[in-house]
Amino acid sequence: NGKTLIIAPHPDDETFGCAGLILKKVAGGTEVNVLFLTNGEQSLTTVPKEEVAKQRISDAKEVASILGVKETYFLELTDGKIPRRGSIKYNDSINKLANLIKELNPEEVYVTHPLDNWSDHTGASELAFDVLKDLENEIALYYYWVWVWYSLPFQKISNIRFRNTYFLSIKDVFTYKKQATEIYLESLAKNGKPYCGKLPKLFLSAFDWPYEVIEKKL
């Protein structure tokens, strides 16, 4: 019955990766907040960034209402350029994230898995880990899968810490997750393309499986 913070690099990652978890947490009495590091403005290069960002923020808030999220936050980092360790803007991003986490004071944080093989997703996991390891309050950190299903090279499977990995059944809330997913996929620009970008069919097929994968890090 504490507080949970979900960190998503872009609007839709929270739904693909852990909407079921969010729904089950909320049903159990947990306060869940979601932080989007970017507005996802780069998902459609043929549409003005301002239009894409506005619509993706709107979609994210609509999804949040379905999932029962208390509040959504937007850090407004640049889509496709979430700072990585060693970069000039990394410390600034660390400070922004740390301030919000201190304000919300969650008991646990969930963020995209570092093996998602997508720079923004790996950057998000780096930021979350580096913030939490230095905080005085002990906050549990978990990674959730989004692109791991699709893009993890076979030779890196051994890097997954299966001893700390959980396969969460979401059969009881799967209908609501599908409803939330469809909001992103059916939100179309004038050119007929989804604002979240055209996603591979094989990638999407992974989310027909009523399970989510979570790894405990801290």
C-alpha atoms as a PDB file:
ATOM      1  CA  ASN A   1       0.000   0.000   0.000  1.00  0.00           C
ATOM      2  CA  GLY A   2       2.963   2.328  -0.494  1.00  0.00           C
ATOM      3  CA  LYS A   3       3.959   4.353  -3.532  1.00  0.00           C
ATOM      4  CA  THR A   4       5.323   3.117  -6.850  1.00  0.00           C
ATOM      5  CA  LEU A   5       6.982   5.216  -9.558  1.00  0.00           C
ATOM      6  CA  ILE A   6       7.114   3.966 -13.140  1.00  0.00           C
ATOM      7  CA  ILE A   7       9.777   5.612 -15.312  1.00  0.00           C
ATOM      8  CA  ALA A   8       9.184   5.445 -19.063  1.00  0.00           C
ATOM      9  CA  PRO A   9      11.517   6.850 -21.743  1.00  0.00           C
ATOM     10  CA  HIS A  10       8.526   7.596 -24.024  1.00  0.00           C
ATOM     11  CA  PRO A  11       4.729   7.568 -23.783  1.00  0.00           C
ATOM     12  CA  ASP A  12       3.689   3.922 -24.464  1.00  0.00           C
ATOM     13  CA  ASP A  13       6.684   2.187 -22.835  1.00  0.00           C
ATOM     14  CA  GLU A  14       4.840   2.092 -19.516  1.00  0.00           C
ATOM     15  CA  THR A  15       1.920   0.340 -21.203  1.00  0.00           C
ATOM     16  CA  PHE A  16       3.810  -2.193 -23.306  1.00  0.00           C
ATOM     17  CA  GLY A  17       6.224  -2.978 -20.483  1.00  0.00           C
ATOM     18  CA  CYS A  18       4.193  -2.948 -17.299  1.00  0.00           C
ATOM     19  CA  ALA A  19       0.543  -1.890 -17.688  1.00  0.00           C
ATOM     20  CA  GLY A  20      -0.496  -5.164 -16.089  1.00  0.00           C
ATOM     21  CA  LEU A  21       1.759  -4.502 -13.125  1.00  0.00           C
ATOM     22  CA  ILE A  22       0.320  -1.000 -12.765  1.00  0.00           C
ATOM     23  CA  LEU A  23      -3.254  -2.298 -12.858  1.00  0.00           C
ATOM     24  CA  LYS A  24      -2.523  -4.963 -10.240  1.00  0.00           C
ATOM     25  CA  LYS A  25      -0.703  -2.461  -8.006  1.00  0.00           C
ATOM     26  CA  VAL A  26      -3.586   0.008  -8.164  1.00  0.00           C
ATOM     27  CA  ALA A  27      -6.123  -2.741  -7.469  1.00  0.00           C
ATOM     28  CA  GLY A  28      -4.106  -3.668  -4.391  1.00  0.00           C
ATOM     29  CA  GLY A  29      -4.205  -0.127  -3.014  1.00  0.00           C
ATOM     30  CA  THR A  30      -0.814   1.136  -4.177  1.00  0.00           C
ATOM     31  CA  GLU A  31      -0.435   4.725  -5.370  1.00  0.00           C
ATOM     32  CA  VAL A  32       1.203   4.604  -8.803  1.00  0.00           C
ATOM     33  CA  ASN A  33       2.713   7.610 -10.569  1.00  0.00           C
ATOM     34  CA  VAL A  34       4.317   7.611 -14.016  1.00  0.00           C
ATOM     35  CA  LEU A  35       7.241   9.747 -15.157  1.00  0.00           C
ATOM     36  CA  PHE A  36       7.899  10.142 -18.885  1.00  0.00           C
ATOM     37  CA  LEU A  37      11.473  11.213 -19.563  1.00  0.00           C
ATOM     38  CA  THR A  38      10.620  12.500 -23.070  1.00  0.00           C
ATOM     39  CA  ASN A  39       7.449  13.465 -24.920  1.00  0.00           C
ATOM     40  CA  GLY A  40       8.222  11.010 -27.736  1.00  0.00           C
ATOM     41  CA  GLU A  41       8.362  13.802 -30.300  1.00  0.00           C
ATOM     42  CA  GLN A  42      10.706  11.960 -32.686  1.00  0.00           C
ATOM     43  CA  SER A  43       8.431   8.992 -33.405  1.00  0.00           C
ATOM     44  CA  LEU A  44       7.122  10.497 -36.669  1.00  0.00           C
ATOM     45  CA  THR A  45       9.756  12.419 -38.602  1.00  0.00           C
ATOM     46  CA  THR A  46       7.265  13.585 -41.273  1.00  0.00           C
ATOM     47  CA  VAL A  47       5.017  15.326 -38.725  1.00  0.00           C
ATOM     48  CA  PRO A  48       5.928  18.512 -36.777  1.00  0.00           C
ATOM     49  CA  LYS A  49       7.544  17.616 -33.448  1.00  0.00           C
ATOM     50  CA  GLU A  50       5.194  19.917 -31.539  1.00  0.00           C
ATOM     51  CA  GLU A  51       2.152  18.109 -32.919  1.00  0.00           C
ATOM     52  CA  VAL A  52       3.577  14.679 -32.138  1.00  0.00           C
ATOM     53  CA  ALA A  53       4.545  15.662 -28.590  1.00  0.00           C
ATOM     54  CA  LYS A  54       1.132  17.219 -27.877  1.00  0.00           C
ATOM     55  CA  GLN A  55      -0.739  14.124 -29.060  1.00  0.00           C
ATOM     56  CA  ARG A  56       1.525  11.637 -27.294  1.00  0.00           C
ATOM     57  CA  ILE A  57       1.136  13.551 -24.024  1.00  0.00           C
ATOM     58  CA  SER A  58      -2.633  13.508 -24.502  1.00  0.00           C
ATOM     59  CA  ASP A  59      -2.594   9.761 -25.226  1.00  0.00           C
ATOM     60  CA  ALA A  60      -0.422   9.126 -22.167  1.00  0.00           C
ATOM     61  CA  LYS A  61      -2.878  10.928 -19.906  1.00  0.00           C
ATOM     62  CA  GLU A  62      -5.830   9.034 -21.371  1.00  0.00           C
ATOM     63  CA  VAL A  63      -4.016   5.746 -20.797  1.00  0.00           C
ATOM     64  CA  ALA A  64      -3.130   6.794 -17.250  1.00  0.00           C
ATOM     65  CA  SER A  65      -6.825   7.226 -16.456  1.00  0.00           C
ATOM     66  CA  ILE A  66      -7.528   3.674 -17.660  1.00  0.00           C
ATOM     67  CA  LEU A  67      -4.669   2.234 -15.638  1.00  0.00           C
ATOM     68  CA  GLY A  68      -5.604   4.131 -12.487  1.00  0.00           C
ATOM     69  CA  VAL A  69      -2.389   6.145 -12.339  1.00  0.00           C
ATOM     70  CA  LYS A  70      -2.603   8.975  -9.823  1.00  0.00           C
ATOM     71  CA  GLU A  71      -0.378  11.468 -11.644  1.00  0.00           C
ATOM     72  CA  THR A  72       1.758  11.708 -14.776  1.00  0.00           C
ATOM     73  CA  TYR A  73       4.969  13.739 -14.939  1.00  0.00           C
ATOM     74  CA  PHE A  74       7.061  14.786 -17.933  1.00  0.00           C
ATOM     75  CA  LEU A  75      10.783  15.521 -17.571  1.00  0.00           C
ATOM     76  CA  GLU A  76      10.916  16.751 -21.207  1.00  0.00           C
ATOM     77  CA  LEU A  77      14.324  15.413 -22.123  1.00  0.00           C
ATOM     78  CA  THR A  78      15.011  15.241 -25.867  1.00  0.00           C
ATOM     79  CA  ASP A  79      13.533  12.157 -27.528  1.00  0.00           C
ATOM     80  CA  GLY A  80      16.327  10.001 -28.940  1.00  0.00           C
ATOM     81  CA  LYS A  81      18.937  11.814 -26.869  1.00  0.00           C
ATOM     82  CA  ILE A  82      18.396  10.845 -23.244  1.00  0.00           C
ATOM     83  CA  PRO A  83      21.825  11.625 -21.745  1.00  0.00           C
ATOM     84  CA  ARG A  84      24.096   8.663 -21.121  1.00  0.00           C
ATOM     85  CA  ARG A  85      26.808   8.286 -18.492  1.00  0.00           C
ATOM     86  CA  GLY A  86      29.757  10.526 -19.224  1.00  0.00           C
ATOM     87  CA  SER A  87      27.801  13.003 -21.355  1.00  0.00           C
ATOM     88  CA  ILE A  88      27.713  16.733 -20.602  1.00  0.00           C
ATOM     89  CA  LYS A  89      23.987  16.794 -19.753  1.00  0.00           C
ATOM     90  CA  TYR A  90      23.971  13.619 -17.654  1.00  0.00           C
ATOM     91  CA  ASN A  91      24.419  15.284 -14.260  1.00  0.00           C
ATOM     92  CA  ASP A  92      21.671  17.798 -15.012  1.00  0.00           C
ATOM     93  CA  SER A  93      19.274  14.945 -15.813  1.00  0.00           C
ATOM     94  CA  ILE A  94      20.358  13.125 -12.665  1.00  0.00           C
ATOM     95  CA  ASN A  95      19.509  16.178 -10.564  1.00  0.00           C
ATOM     96  CA  LYS A  96      16.081  16.619 -12.171  1.00  0.00           C
ATOM     97  CA  LEU A  97      15.209  12.973 -11.648  1.00  0.00           C
ATOM     98  CA  ALA A  98      16.561  12.914  -8.093  1.00  0.00           C
ATOM     99  CA  ASN A  99      14.502  15.959  -7.123  1.00  0.00           C
ATOM    100  CA  LEU A 100      11.284  14.390  -8.386  1.00  0.00           C
ATOM    101  CA  ILE A 101      11.970  11.057  -6.700  1.00  0.00           C
ATOM    102  CA  LYS A 102      12.671  12.828  -3.404  1.00  0.00           C
ATOM    103  CA  GLU A 103       9.409  14.746  -3.786  1.00  0.00           C
ATOM    104  CA  LEU A 104       7.315  11.656  -4.551  1.00  0.00           C
ATOM    105  CA  ASN A 105       9.182   9.416  -2.082  1.00  0.00           C
ATOM    106  CA  PRO A 106       8.217   6.062  -3.650  1.00  0.00           C
ATOM    107  CA  GLU A 107       9.025   2.726  -2.046  1.00  0.00           C
ATOM    108  CA  GLU A 108       9.911   1.233  -5.400  1.00  0.00           C
ATOM    109  CA  VAL A 109      10.808   2.370  -8.911  1.00  0.00           C
ATOM    110  CA  TYR A 110      10.354   0.511 -12.212  1.00  0.00           C
ATOM    111  CA  VAL A 111      12.288   1.473 -15.341  1.00  0.00           C
ATOM    112  CA  THR A 112      13.097  -0.024 -18.737  1.00  0.00           C
ATOM    113  CA  HIS A 113      15.641  -2.850 -18.830  1.00  0.00           C
ATOM    114  CA  PRO A 114      19.236  -1.910 -19.791  1.00  0.00           C
ATOM    115  CA  LEU A 115      19.204  -4.805 -22.301  1.00  0.00           C
ATOM    116  CA  ASP A 116      16.284  -3.288 -24.219  1.00  0.00           C
ATOM    117  CA  ASN A 117      18.912  -2.470 -26.868  1.00  0.00           C
ATOM    118  CA  TRP A 118      17.519   1.041 -27.434  1.00  0.00           C
ATOM    119  CA  SER A 119      19.628   4.028 -26.389  1.00  0.00           C
ATOM    120  CA  ASP A 120      16.842   5.936 -24.632  1.00  0.00           C
ATOM    121  CA  HIS A 121      15.749   2.815 -22.746  1.00  0.00           C
ATOM    122  CA  THR A 122      19.281   2.024 -21.616  1.00  0.00           C
ATOM    123  CA  GLY A 123      19.794   5.681 -20.708  1.00  0.00           C
ATOM    124  CA  ALA A 124      16.641   5.602 -18.588  1.00  0.00           C
ATOM    125  CA  SER A 125      17.896   2.571 -16.647  1.00  0.00           C
ATOM    126  CA  GLU A 126      21.273   4.260 -16.083  1.00  0.00           C
ATOM    127  CA  LEU A 127      19.650   7.412 -14.740  1.00  0.00           C
ATOM    128  CA  ALA A 128      17.336   5.517 -12.393  1.00  0.00           C
ATOM    129  CA  PHE A 129      20.102   3.278 -11.074  1.00  0.00           C
ATOM    130  CA  ASP A 130      22.555   6.124 -10.496  1.00  0.00           C
ATOM    131  CA  VAL A 131      19.951   8.212  -8.679  1.00  0.00           C
ATOM    132  CA  LEU A 132      18.691   5.445  -6.407  1.00  0.00           C
ATOM    133  CA  LYS A 133      22.071   4.048  -5.414  1.00  0.00           C
ATOM    134  CA  ASP A 134      23.047   7.434  -3.961  1.00  0.00           C
ATOM    135  CA  LEU A 135      19.830   8.260  -2.085  1.00  0.00           C
ATOM    136  CA  GLU A 136      19.747   7.933   1.687  1.00  0.00           C
ATOM    137  CA  ASN A 137      16.325   6.280   1.625  1.00  0.00           C
ATOM    138  CA  GLU A 138      16.448   2.730   0.350  1.00  0.00           C
ATOM    139  CA  ILE A 139      14.181   2.448  -2.687  1.00  0.00           C
ATOM    140  CA  ALA A 140      13.778  -0.842  -4.539  1.00  0.00           C
ATOM    141  CA  LEU A 141      14.619  -0.723  -8.254  1.00  0.00           C
ATOM    142  CA  TYR A 142      13.110  -3.041 -10.855  1.00  0.00           C
ATOM    143  CA  TYR A 143      13.623  -3.306 -14.621  1.00  0.00           C
ATOM    144  CA  TYR A 144      10.758  -4.130 -16.995  1.00  0.00           C
ATOM    145  CA  TRP A 145      11.000  -5.523 -20.522  1.00  0.00           C
ATOM    146  CA  VAL A 146       9.799  -3.621 -23.580  1.00  0.00           C
ATOM    147  CA  TRP A 147      12.178  -4.360 -26.479  1.00  0.00           C
ATOM    148  CA  VAL A 148      14.101  -7.228 -24.853  1.00  0.00           C
ATOM    149  CA  TRP A 149      11.631  -9.631 -26.447  1.00  0.00           C
ATOM    150  CA  TYR A 150      12.468  -8.383 -29.913  1.00  0.00           C
ATOM    151  CA  SER A 151      15.994  -7.030 -30.045  1.00  0.00           C
ATOM    152  CA  LEU A 152      18.154  -8.855 -27.497  1.00  0.00           C
ATOM    153  CA  PRO A 153      21.049 -10.539 -29.341  1.00  0.00           C
ATOM    154  CA  PHE A 154      21.166 -14.275 -28.599  1.00  0.00           C
ATOM    155  CA  GLN A 155      24.722 -14.014 -27.280  1.00  0.00           C
ATOM    156  CA  LYS A 156      23.579 -11.581 -24.565  1.00  0.00           C
ATOM    157  CA  ILE A 157      20.894 -13.808 -23.060  1.00  0.00           C
ATOM    158  CA  SER A 158      23.413 -14.887 -20.412  1.00  0.00           C
ATOM    159  CA  ASN A 159      23.447 -11.263 -19.185  1.00  0.00           C
ATOM    160  CA  ILE A 160      19.885 -11.587 -17.906  1.00  0.00           C
ATOM    161  CA  ARG A 161      19.853 -12.286 -14.185  1.00  0.00           C
ATOM    162  CA  PHE A 162      17.176 -14.977 -14.258  1.00  0.00           C
ATOM    163  CA  ARG A 163      17.507 -15.633 -10.521  1.00  0.00           C
ATOM    164  CA  ASN A 164      16.122 -12.122  -9.923  1.00  0.00           C
ATOM    165  CA  THR A 165      13.606 -12.191 -12.798  1.00  0.00           C
ATOM    166  CA  TYR A 166       9.861 -12.597 -12.348  1.00  0.00           C
ATOM    167  CA  PHE A 167       7.244 -13.643 -14.886  1.00  0.00           C
ATOM    168  CA  LEU A 168       4.127 -11.805 -13.763  1.00  0.00           C
ATOM    169  CA  SER A 169       0.779 -13.232 -14.857  1.00  0.00           C
ATOM    170  CA  ILE A 170      -1.585 -10.444 -15.914  1.00  0.00           C
ATOM    171  CA  LYS A 171      -4.450 -12.632 -17.144  1.00  0.00           C
ATOM    172  CA  ASP A 172      -6.867 -10.963 -14.719  1.00  0.00           C
ATOM    173  CA  VAL A 173      -6.168  -7.454 -16.090  1.00  0.00           C
ATOM    174  CA  PHE A 174      -5.123  -8.316 -19.644  1.00  0.00           C
ATOM    175  CA  THR A 175      -8.274  -6.838 -21.230  1.00  0.00           C
ATOM    176  CA  TYR A 176      -7.513  -3.438 -19.712  1.00  0.00           C
ATOM    177  CA  LYS A 177      -3.895  -3.589 -20.849  1.00  0.00           C
ATOM    178  CA  LYS A 178      -5.038  -4.282 -24.411  1.00  0.00           C
ATOM    179  CA  GLN A 179      -7.433  -1.346 -24.195  1.00  0.00           C
ATOM    180  CA  ALA A 180      -4.605   0.937 -23.079  1.00  0.00           C
ATOM    181  CA  THR A 181      -2.289  -0.375 -25.802  1.00  0.00           C
ATOM    182  CA  GLU A 182      -4.899   0.278 -28.484  1.00  0.00           C
ATOM    183  CA  ILE A 183      -5.124   3.936 -27.502  1.00  0.00           C
ATOM    184  CA  TYR A 184      -1.500   4.403 -28.527  1.00  0.00           C
ATOM    185  CA  LEU A 185      -1.709   2.213 -31.624  1.00  0.00           C
ATOM    186  CA  GLU A 186      -4.944   3.758 -32.910  1.00  0.00           C
ATOM    187  CA  SER A 187      -3.952   7.387 -32.366  1.00  0.00           C
ATOM    188  CA  LEU A 188      -3.216   8.355 -35.976  1.00  0.00           C
ATOM    189  CA  ALA A 189      -1.713  11.419 -37.627  1.00  0.00           C
ATOM    190  CA  LYS A 190      -3.236  12.853 -40.833  1.00  0.00           C
ATOM    191  CA  ASN A 191      -0.896  10.641 -42.874  1.00  0.00           C
ATOM    192  CA  GLY A 192      -2.501   7.570 -41.308  1.00  0.00           C
ATOM    193  CA  LYS A 193       0.533   6.563 -39.253  1.00  0.00           C
ATOM    194  CA  PRO A 194       0.376   6.037 -35.469  1.00  0.00           C
ATOM    195  CA  TYR A 195       1.818   8.887 -33.437  1.00  0.00           C
ATOM    196  CA  CYS A 196       3.815   6.280 -31.504  1.00  0.00           C
ATOM    197  CA  GLY A 197       5.494   5.243 -34.767  1.00  0.00           C
ATOM    198  CA  LYS A 198       5.104   2.112 -36.860  1.00  0.00           C
ATOM    199  CA  LEU A 199       6.033  -0.825 -34.651  1.00  0.00           C
ATOM    200  CA  PRO A 200       7.138  -4.228 -36.031  1.00  0.00           C
ATOM    201  CA  LYS A 201       4.455  -6.950 -36.026  1.00  0.00           C
ATOM    202  CA  LEU A 202       6.844  -9.376 -34.348  1.00  0.00           C
ATOM    203  CA  PHE A 203       7.447  -6.844 -31.567  1.00  0.00           C
ATOM    204  CA  LEU A 204       3.710  -6.365 -31.043  1.00  0.00           C
ATOM    205  CA  SER A 205       3.078 -10.122 -31.014  1.00  0.00           C
ATOM    206  CA  ALA A 206       5.020 -10.422 -27.748  1.00  0.00           C
ATOM    207  CA  PHE A 207       2.282  -8.441 -26.023  1.00  0.00           C
ATOM    208  CA  ASP A 208      -0.384 -10.974 -26.904  1.00  0.00           C
ATOM    209  CA  TRP A 209       1.197 -13.081 -24.163  1.00  0.00           C
ATOM    210  CA  PRO A 210      -0.540 -12.326 -20.809  1.00  0.00           C
ATOM    211  CA  TYR A 211       2.688 -12.002 -18.838  1.00  0.00           C
ATOM    212  CA  GLU A 212       5.176  -9.254 -18.037  1.00  0.00           C
ATOM    213  CA  VAL A 213       8.814  -9.709 -17.141  1.00  0.00           C
ATOM    214  CA  ILE A 214      10.321  -7.821 -14.216  1.00  0.00           C
ATOM    215  CA  GLU A 215      13.881  -8.009 -12.866  1.00  0.00           C
ATOM    216  CA  LYS A 216      14.838  -6.826  -9.390  1.00  0.00           C
ATOM    217  CA  LYS A 217      18.024  -4.733  -9.453  1.00  0.00           C
ATOM    218  CA  LEU A 218      18.275  -3.007  -6.058  1.00  0.00           C
END
